[in-house]
């Protein structure tokens, strides 16, 4: 097709509004629901510009990128409105369309929100494939859009120009890994390590990760075991002219956890295609020889694991005289080790380690089978387990508070991000000791340390549920997270314990006076009440906060109000920090005087 013919055809498509919109689902595997749809544009079916690459390449060659993208966005909005799409809508935009030279911010927002679409429903996908001439202007435009409720995603991570620099500057809500790194990730160690590194960065930067191009159950299983739960690909649905998704691939045997510092055995489960007990040893040997990194194959019947076929065992039998010819037709069941350790996907790694050590005093197994509800899910290696546990202990020691040995500031922020990303309601409690400086000055710093250690023990004893988490920010500041939303009684319990313990540390004269004299921060003598314990409790809804920093700011404000409270309990309704989200309930609690 000549350039002139291409220009005429493209202009016809734009003028006559012949763009068609297709929708591809993005699935949240944890929620077993559709998170949103990416809108994809195509030309007319009878046009040489029907395919997306041909259409947008023509836009670039004919200098019609802006006009083409405007037409695509208009049709996308019309399609989503016609089908009543209530989920997130992911729209692809080139950086050029976002620059002021294209059109004003108001007109850009109007284009995106036409057809009754709301800003918090739209995710702007910015592809890494296109270079950016003015990154500062682009950054400012995206930040402005985010403040009005729009969300931002970086598309095609790993393929383009700016990479991590743009990621850190824009602070996107979502990052999409390019399908090149997802294809056959279950069989490619290099791709797997790349994905793992991106997961770690997402956890640190507080954004959600989407895997593109997932087409096989093996890829899905591996990704979910690594902790990626937002999936896009043919496995859940091809692009369609209407919203649709096939969730049948979400079987009960799928792993659900993936944080190497918090997850269970499912994180280490690598999906390896299992053998049936009737598979011949000769066929199993071919698989083992073609996969040098695999040293054992799971033997499974009706989704239930029977044991492991070890590579060394087959080698031993086949290496004897006539061993291969005599045994290759036999079923693998004849050499299957039935003593394999089988653990559920949510079994804590410490429990898996203990089971391995207690299983045999003289032989440490190299592998264990991971299941969900008794059904085969993957195979874990003892080496990976030891490496992960070592990493966990190093991380815990590196970021632990030196006095209490509880998780410090970095793990506190990481835990906040993890809970926010789960999109489930939870409670954050910020504990602080009132008048602690005068106590230190009068009673001595060693006594002050004992009070802090005592409070740490009290918090761990009271908040000891499965979903409770206690951290020590520093000094006399502690944070508790819990999935429980009604925690006032437990706060009162901590108050009683704190009152009894601290009161016994004062001399009798100070207990009777109910106060002490100490220097204030200006060096002047002043009467201070005895120590008390305040707590700001933030009950966060499923989408109350845009980031861990937002949550921390609200908790700090709640704590400050608690320290000024005089009537014991004060409840306020706090404004939500994140645009367009549900207001958080902030409960401010103060113990008052310990006497």
Protein backbone atom coordinates (compact mmCIF):
# COMPACT_ATOMS: atom_id res chain seq x y z
CA UNK A 1 0.00 0.00 0.00
CA UNK A 2 1.48 3.34 -1.03
CA UNK A 3 1.95 6.12 1.52
CA UNK A 4 -0.69 8.20 -0.25
CA UNK A 5 -3.16 5.33 -0.21
CA UNK A 6 -2.35 4.66 3.42
CA UNK A 7 -2.98 8.31 4.29
CA UNK A 8 -6.34 8.32 2.52
CA UNK A 9 -7.44 5.07 4.17
CA UNK A 10 -6.43 6.28 7.62
CA UNK A 11 -8.24 9.58 7.13
CA UNK A 12 -11.37 7.70 6.00
CA UNK A 13 -11.27 5.57 9.16
CA UNK A 14 -10.91 8.62 11.41
CA UNK A 15 -13.47 10.82 9.65
CA UNK A 16 -16.14 8.13 9.43
CA UNK A 17 -15.44 6.85 12.97
CA UNK A 18 -14.76 3.31 11.77
CA UNK A 19 -12.58 2.35 14.72
CA UNK A 20 -13.81 -0.74 16.55
CA UNK A 21 -13.04 -1.42 20.24
CA UNK A 22 -12.21 -4.81 21.73
CA UNK A 23 -12.09 -5.59 25.46
CA UNK A 24 -9.64 -8.01 27.08
CA UNK A 25 -10.15 -8.91 30.75
CA UNK A 26 -7.59 -8.43 33.51
CA UNK A 27 -8.38 -10.98 36.21
CA UNK A 28 -7.74 -10.77 39.96
CA UNK A 29 -7.01 -14.39 40.83
CA UNK A 30 -7.28 -13.81 44.58
CA UNK A 31 -10.74 -12.31 44.30
CA UNK A 32 -11.70 -14.67 41.45
CA UNK A 33 -13.15 -11.69 39.62
CA UNK A 34 -12.42 -9.30 36.76
CA UNK A 35 -10.37 -6.29 37.90
CA UNK A 36 -10.91 -4.44 34.64
CA UNK A 37 -10.65 -4.48 30.86
CA UNK A 38 -7.96 -3.20 28.54
CA UNK A 39 -9.51 -1.48 25.55
CA UNK A 40 -7.85 -2.37 22.25
CA UNK A 41 -8.53 -0.61 18.95
CA UNK A 42 -8.79 -2.10 15.46
CA UNK A 43 -9.54 -0.78 11.98
CA UNK A 44 -12.45 -2.02 9.84
CA UNK A 45 -12.33 -5.77 9.17
CA UNK A 46 -12.15 -5.23 5.37
CA UNK A 47 -9.38 -2.64 5.60
CA UNK A 48 -5.63 -3.20 5.15
CA UNK A 49 -5.33 -1.21 8.40
CA UNK A 50 -7.48 -3.64 10.38
CA UNK A 51 -4.67 -5.03 12.59
CA UNK A 52 -3.50 -2.79 15.43
CA UNK A 53 0.20 -2.74 14.35
CA UNK A 54 -0.74 -1.67 10.81
CA UNK A 55 -3.23 0.92 12.09
CA UNK A 56 -0.88 2.65 14.52
CA UNK A 57 2.13 2.34 12.25
CA UNK A 58 0.09 4.21 9.63
CA UNK A 59 -0.70 6.84 12.25
CA UNK A 60 3.02 7.41 12.86
CA UNK A 61 3.99 7.41 9.17
CA UNK A 62 1.16 9.81 8.25
CA UNK A 63 1.76 12.06 11.27
CA UNK A 64 -1.77 11.35 12.51
CA UNK A 65 -1.01 9.77 15.90
CA UNK A 66 -2.95 12.35 17.91
CA UNK A 67 -6.04 12.28 15.70
CA UNK A 68 -6.01 8.49 15.62
CA UNK A 69 -5.69 8.18 19.39
CA UNK A 70 -8.52 10.66 19.93
CA UNK A 71 -10.75 8.60 17.67
CA UNK A 72 -9.78 5.42 19.51
CA UNK A 73 -10.51 6.94 22.93
CA UNK A 74 -13.90 8.24 21.81
CA UNK A 75 -14.94 4.83 20.48
CA UNK A 76 -13.59 3.08 23.59
CA UNK A 77 -15.68 5.30 25.85
CA UNK A 78 -18.76 4.72 23.74
CA UNK A 79 -18.26 0.93 23.84
CA UNK A 80 -17.72 0.82 27.61
CA UNK A 81 -20.80 2.95 28.19
CA UNK A 82 -22.94 0.85 25.84
CA UNK A 83 -22.08 -2.38 27.68
CA UNK A 84 -22.20 -0.78 31.14
CA UNK A 85 -18.60 -1.64 32.03
CA UNK A 86 -18.28 -0.89 35.74
CA UNK A 87 -14.76 -2.25 36.21
CA UNK A 88 -11.48 -0.44 35.67
CA UNK A 89 -10.82 0.59 32.07
CA UNK A 90 -7.20 0.45 30.91
CA UNK A 91 -6.54 2.77 27.96
CA UNK A 92 -3.28 2.93 25.99
CA UNK A 93 -1.90 6.40 25.36
CA UNK A 94 1.33 7.57 23.78
CA UNK A 95 3.35 10.14 25.75
CA UNK A 96 2.79 12.63 22.93
CA UNK A 97 -0.95 12.68 23.59
CA UNK A 98 -0.34 13.73 27.18
CA UNK A 99 1.85 16.73 26.38
CA UNK A 100 0.36 20.26 26.42
CA UNK A 101 1.28 20.71 22.74
CA UNK A 102 -1.46 18.21 21.87
CA UNK A 103 -4.31 19.82 23.79
CA UNK A 104 -5.13 21.25 27.21
CA UNK A 105 -5.50 19.29 30.40
CA UNK A 106 -9.23 20.05 30.58
CA UNK A 107 -9.84 18.77 27.06
CA UNK A 108 -7.77 15.67 27.80
CA UNK A 109 -9.85 14.90 30.88
CA UNK A 110 -13.05 15.55 28.94
CA UNK A 111 -11.92 13.12 26.26
CA UNK A 112 -11.17 10.43 28.83
CA UNK A 113 -14.35 10.87 30.87
CA UNK A 114 -16.93 11.25 28.14
CA UNK A 115 -19.80 8.76 28.06
CA UNK A 116 -20.36 9.07 31.82
CA UNK A 117 -17.02 7.49 32.73
CA UNK A 118 -15.45 8.62 36.00
CA UNK A 119 -11.74 9.45 36.49
CA UNK A 120 -11.23 6.76 39.16
CA UNK A 121 -12.48 4.17 36.66
CA UNK A 122 -9.77 4.92 34.09
CA UNK A 123 -6.18 3.64 34.12
CA UNK A 124 -3.86 5.41 31.67
CA UNK A 125 -1.39 2.91 30.22
CA UNK A 126 1.86 4.55 29.23
CA UNK A 127 3.94 2.29 27.02
CA UNK A 128 7.70 2.01 27.49
CA UNK A 129 8.07 1.43 23.75
CA UNK A 130 7.91 5.14 22.94
CA UNK A 131 10.74 7.57 23.81
CA UNK A 132 9.89 10.76 25.70
CA UNK A 133 11.44 14.06 24.65
CA UNK A 134 10.26 16.06 27.65
CA UNK A 135 10.04 13.74 30.64
CA UNK A 136 9.53 16.54 33.18
CA UNK A 137 6.43 17.85 31.41
CA UNK A 138 5.08 14.31 31.05
CA UNK A 139 5.71 13.63 34.74
CA UNK A 140 3.89 16.83 35.76
CA UNK A 141 0.91 15.99 33.52
CA UNK A 142 0.59 12.47 34.94
CA UNK A 143 0.84 13.68 38.53
CA UNK A 144 -1.89 16.24 37.83
CA UNK A 145 -4.11 13.56 36.33
CA UNK A 146 -3.56 11.27 39.32
CA UNK A 147 -4.63 14.03 41.68
CA UNK A 148 -7.97 14.25 39.88
CA UNK A 149 -8.58 10.51 40.34
CA UNK A 150 -7.06 8.90 37.25
CA UNK A 151 -4.71 5.98 37.73
CA UNK A 152 -1.53 5.28 35.82
CA UNK A 153 0.04 2.05 34.57
CA UNK A 154 3.41 1.47 32.94
CA UNK A 155 2.91 -0.92 30.04
CA UNK A 156 5.43 -3.26 28.38
CA UNK A 157 7.92 -3.14 31.27
CA UNK A 158 11.30 -4.37 30.12
CA UNK A 159 11.02 -3.38 26.47
CA UNK A 160 11.66 0.33 26.27
CA UNK A 161 13.69 3.40 26.88
CA UNK A 162 13.20 4.85 30.31
CA UNK A 163 12.47 1.77 32.41
CA UNK A 164 13.02 2.15 36.14
CA UNK A 165 13.69 5.89 35.91
CA UNK A 166 10.17 6.60 34.65
CA UNK A 167 8.77 4.09 37.12
CA UNK A 168 10.33 5.86 40.11
CA UNK A 169 9.33 9.33 38.89
CA UNK A 170 5.70 8.62 38.04
CA UNK A 171 4.96 6.18 40.89
CA UNK A 172 2.35 4.27 38.86
CA UNK A 173 -0.58 2.40 40.37
CA UNK A 174 0.07 -0.60 38.11
CA UNK A 175 3.05 -2.06 36.26
CA UNK A 176 2.50 -4.51 33.40
CA UNK A 177 5.28 -6.98 32.58
CA UNK A 178 5.68 -7.45 28.84
CA UNK A 179 4.49 -10.80 27.51
CA UNK A 180 8.02 -11.63 26.31
CA UNK A 181 9.04 -12.23 29.93
CA UNK A 182 5.86 -14.17 30.72
CA UNK A 183 5.90 -16.63 27.81
CA UNK A 184 7.31 -19.98 29.09
CA UNK A 185 8.35 -18.33 32.39
CA UNK A 186 7.71 -21.69 34.07
CA UNK A 187 10.56 -23.19 32.01
CA UNK A 188 12.97 -20.26 31.77
CA UNK A 189 15.10 -19.51 34.85
CA UNK A 190 16.29 -16.15 33.49
CA UNK A 191 12.73 -14.92 32.92
CA UNK A 192 11.71 -16.21 36.32
CA UNK A 193 14.47 -14.24 38.04
CA UNK A 194 13.57 -11.11 36.07
CA UNK A 195 9.94 -11.43 37.19
CA UNK A 196 11.04 -12.03 40.78
CA UNK A 197 13.12 -8.84 40.74
CA UNK A 198 10.15 -6.84 39.43
CA UNK A 199 7.98 -8.28 42.22
CA UNK A 200 10.48 -7.06 44.81
CA UNK A 201 10.53 -3.58 43.29
CA UNK A 202 6.73 -3.42 43.22
CA UNK A 203 6.60 -4.32 46.89
CA UNK A 204 9.04 -1.54 47.74
CA UNK A 205 7.37 1.10 45.56
CA UNK A 206 3.80 0.20 46.48
CA UNK A 207 2.35 -0.56 43.06
CA UNK A 208 0.44 -3.58 41.75
CA UNK A 209 1.86 -5.93 39.15
CA UNK A 210 0.02 -7.31 36.12
CA UNK A 211 1.38 -10.18 34.04
CA UNK A 212 0.51 -9.86 30.34
CA UNK A 213 0.27 -12.62 27.78
CA UNK A 214 -0.51 -15.56 30.09
CA UNK A 215 -1.64 -18.43 27.88
CA UNK A 216 -0.95 -21.67 29.75
CA UNK A 217 -1.94 -23.14 33.08
CA UNK A 218 1.73 -23.78 33.88
CA UNK A 219 2.55 -20.08 33.44
CA UNK A 220 -0.41 -19.11 35.62
CA UNK A 221 0.52 -21.56 38.36
CA UNK A 222 4.11 -20.35 38.49
CA UNK A 223 3.14 -16.67 38.50
CA UNK A 224 0.60 -17.13 41.27
CA UNK A 225 3.09 -19.08 43.35
CA UNK A 226 5.46 -16.11 42.98
CA UNK A 227 2.78 -13.73 44.22
CA UNK A 228 1.39 -12.22 40.99
CA UNK A 229 -2.39 -12.33 41.12
CA UNK A 230 -3.39 -9.85 38.41
CA UNK A 231 -3.34 -11.71 35.11
CA UNK A 232 -4.10 -10.75 31.49
CA UNK A 233 -3.92 -13.17 28.60
CA UNK A 234 -5.70 -15.62 26.33
CA UNK A 235 -6.05 -18.06 29.25
CA UNK A 236 -8.82 -15.84 30.65
CA UNK A 237 -10.11 -14.35 27.44
CA UNK A 238 -9.17 -13.06 24.01
CA UNK A 239 -10.08 -9.50 23.00
CA UNK A 240 -13.84 -9.36 22.40
CA UNK A 241 -16.22 -6.63 21.23
CA UNK A 242 -18.08 -7.03 24.55
CA UNK A 243 -16.92 -7.57 28.16
CA UNK A 244 -16.36 -11.28 28.85
CA UNK A 245 -13.98 -13.49 30.80
CA UNK A 246 -13.45 -17.23 31.26
CA UNK A 247 -12.41 -17.94 34.86
CA UNK A 248 -12.43 -21.73 34.56
CA UNK A 249 -8.63 -21.81 34.80
CA UNK A 250 -8.92 -20.76 38.46
CA UNK A 251 -9.07 -24.22 39.95
CA UNK A 252 -8.77 -25.08 43.62
CA UNK A 253 -5.21 -26.29 43.11
CA UNK A 254 -3.83 -22.85 42.38
CA UNK A 255 -1.35 -21.24 44.77
CA UNK A 256 -2.43 -18.04 46.43
CA UNK A 257 0.59 -16.63 48.21
CA UNK A 258 3.86 -15.17 47.07
CA UNK A 259 5.69 -12.84 49.46
CA UNK A 260 9.09 -14.49 50.15
CA UNK A 261 9.19 -12.84 53.58
CA UNK A 262 5.63 -13.71 54.61
CA UNK A 263 4.23 -16.47 52.39
CA UNK A 264 3.96 -20.16 53.00
CA UNK A 265 5.16 -23.19 51.07
CA UNK A 266 3.20 -22.10 47.98
CA UNK A 267 5.84 -19.46 47.29
CA UNK A 268 8.43 -22.19 46.71
CA UNK A 269 6.15 -24.43 44.68
CA UNK A 270 7.44 -24.73 41.12
CA UNK A 271 4.93 -26.33 38.80
CA UNK A 272 6.44 -29.42 37.20
CA UNK A 273 4.17 -31.51 35.02
CA UNK A 274 3.44 -34.67 37.04
CA UNK A 275 3.65 -38.27 35.91
CA UNK A 276 0.87 -40.80 36.22
CA UNK A 277 1.88 -44.00 38.06
CA UNK A 278 1.57 -45.94 34.77
CA UNK A 279 4.04 -43.77 32.85
CA UNK A 280 7.01 -45.85 31.67
CA UNK A 281 10.42 -45.34 33.24
CA UNK A 282 11.85 -44.86 29.76
CA UNK A 283 9.57 -41.88 29.09
CA UNK A 284 10.30 -40.42 32.54
CA UNK A 285 14.03 -40.73 31.86
CA UNK A 286 13.65 -38.79 28.62
CA UNK A 287 11.97 -35.97 30.56
CA UNK A 288 14.72 -35.94 33.19
CA UNK A 289 17.45 -35.89 30.57
CA UNK A 290 15.82 -33.02 28.66
CA UNK A 291 15.50 -30.92 31.85
CA UNK A 292 18.90 -30.79 33.59
CA UNK A 293 17.56 -28.57 36.38
CA UNK A 294 14.93 -31.13 37.42
CA UNK A 295 16.11 -33.84 39.82
CA UNK A 296 12.75 -35.36 40.75
CA UNK A 297 9.35 -35.76 39.13
CA UNK A 298 6.07 -35.87 41.08
CA UNK A 299 3.88 -38.93 40.59
CA UNK A 300 0.21 -38.00 40.82
CA UNK A 301 -3.06 -39.89 40.43
CA UNK A 302 -6.42 -38.08 40.29
CA UNK A 303 -4.66 -34.88 41.38
CA UNK A 304 -3.43 -36.60 44.56
CA UNK A 305 0.36 -36.96 44.98
CA UNK A 306 1.66 -40.50 45.43
CA UNK A 307 5.35 -39.70 45.79
CA UNK A 308 8.48 -38.70 43.87
CA UNK A 309 10.54 -40.35 41.16
CA UNK A 310 14.13 -39.35 41.90
CA UNK A 311 16.63 -38.93 39.08
CA UNK A 312 19.40 -40.68 40.98
CA UNK A 313 17.19 -43.70 41.53
CA UNK A 314 16.45 -44.10 37.80
CA UNK A 315 20.15 -43.58 36.98
CA UNK A 316 21.12 -46.29 39.43
CA UNK A 317 18.73 -48.83 37.90
CA UNK A 318 19.54 -47.94 34.29
CA UNK A 319 23.32 -47.94 34.82
CA UNK A 320 23.49 -51.63 35.73
CA UNK A 321 24.15 -54.22 33.02
CA UNK A 322 21.02 -54.54 30.86
CA UNK A 323 19.35 -52.23 33.37
CA UNK A 324 17.77 -49.92 30.85
CA UNK A 325 16.48 -52.62 28.50
CA UNK A 326 15.05 -54.60 31.41
CA UNK A 327 13.37 -51.69 33.20
CA UNK A 328 12.46 -48.93 30.73
CA UNK A 329 9.03 -50.42 30.02
CA UNK A 330 8.17 -50.71 33.72
CA UNK A 331 5.82 -48.13 35.25
CA UNK A 332 7.31 -45.30 37.33
CA UNK A 333 5.21 -46.58 40.22
CA UNK A 334 7.79 -49.34 40.67
CA UNK A 335 10.48 -46.79 41.66
CA UNK A 336 8.30 -44.07 43.23
CA UNK A 337 9.48 -42.98 46.68
CA UNK A 338 6.37 -42.97 48.84
CA UNK A 339 8.02 -41.15 51.75
CA UNK A 340 7.97 -37.73 50.06
CA UNK A 341 7.09 -34.83 52.35
CA UNK A 342 3.72 -33.33 51.36
CA UNK A 343 2.79 -29.87 52.67
CA UNK A 344 -0.16 -27.54 52.07
CA UNK A 345 0.50 -24.29 50.16
CA UNK A 346 -0.18 -22.10 53.22
CA UNK A 347 2.10 -24.05 55.57
CA UNK A 348 4.58 -21.54 57.07
CA UNK A 349 8.13 -22.02 55.87
CA UNK A 350 9.29 -22.61 59.44
CA UNK A 351 6.84 -25.50 59.66
CA UNK A 352 8.12 -26.99 56.40
CA UNK A 353 11.70 -26.71 57.66
CA UNK A 354 10.81 -28.37 60.95
CA UNK A 355 9.03 -31.22 59.15
CA UNK A 356 12.08 -31.82 56.95
CA UNK A 357 14.40 -31.95 59.96
CA UNK A 358 12.15 -34.23 61.98
CA UNK A 359 11.35 -36.56 59.08
CA UNK A 360 14.62 -38.47 59.09
CA UNK A 361 17.59 -38.10 61.44
CA UNK A 362 20.10 -39.32 58.85
CA UNK A 363 18.74 -38.10 55.52
CA UNK A 364 17.59 -34.61 54.53
CA UNK A 365 15.14 -34.74 51.65
CA UNK A 366 15.95 -32.54 48.66
CA UNK A 367 12.35 -31.94 47.60
CA UNK A 368 8.84 -31.65 48.98
CA UNK A 369 5.43 -31.67 47.30
CA UNK A 370 3.15 -28.65 47.66
CA UNK A 371 -0.61 -29.20 47.60
CA UNK A 372 -3.81 -27.24 48.05
CA UNK A 373 -6.65 -29.11 49.70
CA UNK A 374 -4.65 -32.27 49.08
CA UNK A 375 -4.34 -31.71 45.32
CA UNK A 376 -0.97 -31.42 43.62
CA UNK A 377 0.18 -27.83 43.04
CA UNK A 378 3.96 -27.89 42.60
CA UNK A 379 7.33 -29.09 43.78
CA UNK A 380 9.59 -27.26 46.24
CA UNK A 381 13.29 -27.75 46.85
CA UNK A 382 14.96 -27.81 50.24
CA UNK A 383 17.75 -25.63 48.85
CA UNK A 384 15.26 -22.92 47.87
CA UNK A 385 13.63 -23.22 51.28
CA UNK A 386 16.93 -22.68 53.09
CA UNK A 387 17.85 -19.78 50.83
CA UNK A 388 14.48 -18.08 51.37
CA UNK A 389 14.55 -18.58 55.13
CA UNK A 390 18.08 -17.19 55.27
CA UNK A 391 16.92 -14.18 53.28
CA UNK A 392 14.00 -13.74 55.65
CA UNK A 393 16.19 -13.85 58.75
CA UNK A 394 18.72 -11.44 57.26
CA UNK A 395 15.91 -9.02 56.36
CA UNK A 396 14.35 -9.36 59.80
CA UNK A 397 17.67 -8.77 61.57
CA UNK A 398 18.60 -5.87 59.31
CA UNK A 399 15.36 -3.99 59.89
CA UNK A 400 14.51 -5.07 63.46
CA UNK A 401 14.34 -2.52 66.25
CA UNK A 402 17.59 -2.99 68.25
CA UNK A 403 15.82 -2.74 71.62
CA UNK A 404 12.66 -4.81 71.22
CA UNK A 405 13.78 -6.91 68.20
CA UNK A 406 10.31 -6.33 66.73
CA UNK A 407 10.05 -5.40 63.03
CA UNK A 408 11.24 -1.81 62.53
CA UNK A 409 10.23 1.05 60.29
CA UNK A 410 10.96 -0.62 56.91
CA UNK A 411 8.91 -3.78 57.65
CA UNK A 412 6.16 -1.58 59.10
CA UNK A 413 5.83 0.24 55.77
CA UNK A 414 6.10 -3.00 53.82
CA UNK A 415 3.30 -4.57 55.84
CA UNK A 416 1.11 -1.51 55.27
CA UNK A 417 1.65 -1.76 51.50
CA UNK A 418 0.91 -5.48 51.53
CA UNK A 419 -2.40 -4.99 53.31
CA UNK A 420 -3.41 -2.05 51.14
CA UNK A 421 -2.72 -4.08 47.99
CA UNK A 422 -5.03 -6.83 49.23
CA UNK A 423 -7.97 -4.39 48.97
CA UNK A 424 -9.51 -5.72 52.18
CA UNK A 425 -10.51 -3.73 55.24
CA UNK A 426 -8.03 -3.79 58.13
CA UNK A 427 -7.08 -1.82 61.23
CA UNK A 428 -3.91 0.17 61.89
CA UNK A 429 -3.23 1.20 65.50
CA UNK A 430 -0.52 3.74 66.37
CA UNK A 431 0.53 3.42 70.06
CA UNK A 432 2.56 6.12 71.79
CA UNK A 433 3.57 6.70 75.43
CA UNK A 434 2.61 10.13 76.79
CA UNK A 435 5.06 12.09 78.99
CA UNK A 436 7.78 9.55 78.34
CA UNK A 437 10.64 12.09 78.27
CA UNK A 438 10.01 13.30 81.87
CA UNK A 439 9.90 9.65 82.96
CA UNK A 440 13.28 9.03 81.32
CA UNK A 441 14.80 12.15 82.87
CA UNK A 442 13.62 11.36 86.41
CA UNK A 443 13.68 7.56 86.53
CA UNK A 444 16.65 7.00 84.22
CA UNK A 445 17.04 5.66 80.69
CA UNK A 446 17.43 2.06 81.80
CA UNK A 447 13.99 2.25 83.42
CA UNK A 448 12.66 3.85 80.24
CA UNK A 449 14.01 0.96 78.19
CA UNK A 450 12.30 -1.49 80.53
CA UNK A 451 8.98 0.30 80.07
CA UNK A 452 9.34 0.08 76.27
CA UNK A 453 10.25 -3.60 76.44
CA UNK A 454 7.32 -4.26 78.75
CA UNK A 455 4.94 -2.51 76.34
CA UNK A 456 6.34 -4.58 73.45
CA UNK A 457 5.62 -7.78 75.39
CA UNK A 458 2.11 -6.58 76.29
CA UNK A 459 1.25 -5.74 72.68
CA UNK A 460 2.49 -9.12 71.45
CA UNK A 461 0.49 -10.90 74.16
CA UNK A 462 -2.76 -9.05 73.48
CA UNK A 463 -2.50 -8.89 69.69
CA UNK A 464 -1.65 -12.53 69.08
CA UNK A 465 -4.24 -13.48 66.46
CA UNK A 466 -3.44 -15.04 63.10
CA UNK A 467 -3.96 -11.72 61.30
CA UNK A 468 -2.29 -9.52 63.95
CA UNK A 469 1.10 -7.92 63.30
CA UNK A 470 3.14 -5.83 65.78
CA UNK A 471 5.95 -3.45 64.76
CA UNK A 472 8.20 -1.01 66.61
CA UNK A 473 8.73 2.23 64.67
CA UNK A 474 11.27 3.52 67.17
CA UNK A 475 11.50 5.10 70.61
CA UNK A 476 8.13 4.67 72.33
CA UNK A 477 6.09 4.40 69.09
CA UNK A 478 4.52 1.08 68.10
CA UNK A 479 2.21 0.02 65.26
CA UNK A 480 -0.27 -2.86 65.19
CA UNK A 481 -2.06 -4.16 62.08
CA UNK A 482 -5.00 -6.52 62.23
CA UNK A 483 -7.76 -7.79 59.98
CA UNK A 484 -10.10 -7.39 62.96
CA UNK A 485 -12.08 -4.14 62.84
CA UNK A 486 -13.39 -4.02 66.43
CA UNK A 487 -10.32 -3.65 68.65
CA UNK A 488 -11.36 -1.14 71.32
CA UNK A 489 -11.58 -3.84 74.00
CA UNK A 490 -8.10 -5.07 73.24
CA UNK A 491 -6.75 -1.51 73.39
CA UNK A 492 -8.35 -1.15 76.83
CA UNK A 493 -6.71 -4.41 77.87
CA UNK A 494 -3.28 -3.10 76.86
CA UNK A 495 -4.04 0.09 78.79
CA UNK A 496 -4.76 -1.85 81.99
CA UNK A 497 -1.58 -3.88 81.66
CA UNK A 498 0.47 -0.76 80.94
CA UNK A 499 -1.04 1.09 83.90
CA UNK A 500 -0.31 -1.69 86.36
CA UNK A 501 3.22 -2.24 85.13
CA UNK A 502 4.33 1.41 84.95
CA UNK A 503 2.73 2.45 88.23
CA UNK A 504 4.85 -0.06 90.13
CA UNK A 505 8.01 1.59 88.81
CA UNK A 506 7.39 4.95 90.50
CA UNK A 507 8.52 5.71 94.08
CA UNK A 508 5.65 5.93 96.54
CA UNK A 509 5.95 9.73 96.80
CA UNK A 510 5.42 10.19 93.06
CA UNK A 511 2.51 7.74 93.04
CA UNK A 512 0.79 9.80 95.75
CA UNK A 513 1.53 13.10 94.01
CA UNK A 514 0.26 11.67 90.69
CA UNK A 515 2.86 13.81 88.93
CA UNK A 516 6.55 14.54 88.73
CA UNK A 517 8.78 17.57 88.21
CA UNK A 518 11.12 17.56 85.22
CA UNK A 519 12.56 19.89 82.61
CA UNK A 520 10.46 20.60 79.56
CA UNK A 521 11.95 20.84 76.07
CA UNK A 522 12.96 24.45 76.76
CA UNK A 523 14.91 23.48 79.87
CA UNK A 524 12.36 24.88 82.33
CA UNK A 525 11.07 22.91 85.35
CA UNK A 526 7.48 21.82 84.98
CA UNK A 527 4.99 19.42 86.56
CA UNK A 528 4.10 16.46 84.32
CA UNK A 529 1.45 13.76 84.76
CA UNK A 530 2.61 10.18 85.09
CA UNK A 531 3.03 8.25 81.87
CA UNK A 532 -0.05 7.19 79.90
CA UNK A 533 -0.59 5.27 76.70
CA UNK A 534 -2.38 6.77 73.66
CA UNK A 535 -3.46 5.04 70.49
CA UNK A 536 -4.83 6.29 67.20
CA UNK A 537 -6.84 3.58 65.47
CA UNK A 538 -7.45 3.81 61.73
CA UNK A 539 -10.00 1.42 60.27
CA UNK A 540 -9.10 1.38 56.58
CA UNK A 541 -11.69 0.39 53.99
CA UNK A 542 -10.87 -1.67 50.93
CA UNK A 543 -9.76 1.45 49.03
CA UNK A 544 -9.40 4.11 51.71
CA UNK A 545 -5.77 5.00 51.05
CA UNK A 546 -3.69 5.42 47.95
CA UNK A 547 -0.38 4.54 49.61
CA UNK A 548 1.31 3.50 52.84
CA UNK A 549 2.38 7.12 53.32
CA UNK A 550 -1.26 8.23 53.26
CA UNK A 551 -2.15 5.65 55.89
CA UNK A 552 0.83 6.64 58.07
CA UNK A 553 -0.12 10.32 57.90
CA UNK A 554 -3.69 9.59 58.99
CA UNK A 555 -2.50 7.31 61.81
CA UNK A 556 -0.06 9.98 63.01
CA UNK A 557 -2.84 12.56 63.02
CA UNK A 558 -5.08 10.18 64.95
CA UNK A 559 -2.32 9.63 67.49
CA UNK A 560 -1.80 13.39 67.90
CA UNK A 561 -5.51 13.86 68.61
CA UNK A 562 -5.44 10.96 71.05
CA UNK A 563 -2.67 12.63 73.06
CA UNK A 564 -4.88 15.73 73.44
CA UNK A 565 -8.00 13.78 74.40
CA UNK A 566 -9.13 13.98 78.02
CA UNK A 567 -12.27 11.83 78.14
CA UNK A 568 -10.79 8.43 77.33
CA UNK A 569 -12.23 7.65 73.87
CA UNK A 570 -12.83 10.04 71.02
CA UNK A 571 -14.27 8.97 67.66
CA UNK A 572 -14.04 11.04 64.48
CA UNK A 573 -14.71 10.44 60.80
CA UNK A 574 -11.53 11.25 58.91
CA UNK A 575 -11.44 12.51 55.34
CA UNK A 576 -9.93 9.95 52.97
CA UNK A 577 -6.51 10.78 51.67
CA UNK A 578 -6.93 9.02 48.31
CA UNK A 579 -9.07 10.73 45.71
CA UNK A 580 -12.43 9.14 45.02
CA UNK A 581 -12.15 6.48 47.70
CA UNK A 582 -14.31 5.49 50.62
CA UNK A 583 -13.69 7.57 53.78
CA UNK A 584 -11.78 5.81 56.52
CA UNK A 585 -13.11 5.56 60.03
CA UNK A 586 -10.60 6.97 62.50
CA UNK A 587 -11.10 6.00 66.15
CA UNK A 588 -8.93 7.97 68.54
CA UNK A 589 -8.28 6.37 71.90
CA UNK A 590 -6.55 7.78 74.97
CA UNK A 591 -5.92 6.12 78.30
CA UNK A 592 -5.86 9.37 80.21
CA UNK A 593 -4.02 9.39 83.50
CA UNK A 594 -2.87 6.02 84.85
CA UNK A 595 -4.35 6.86 88.24
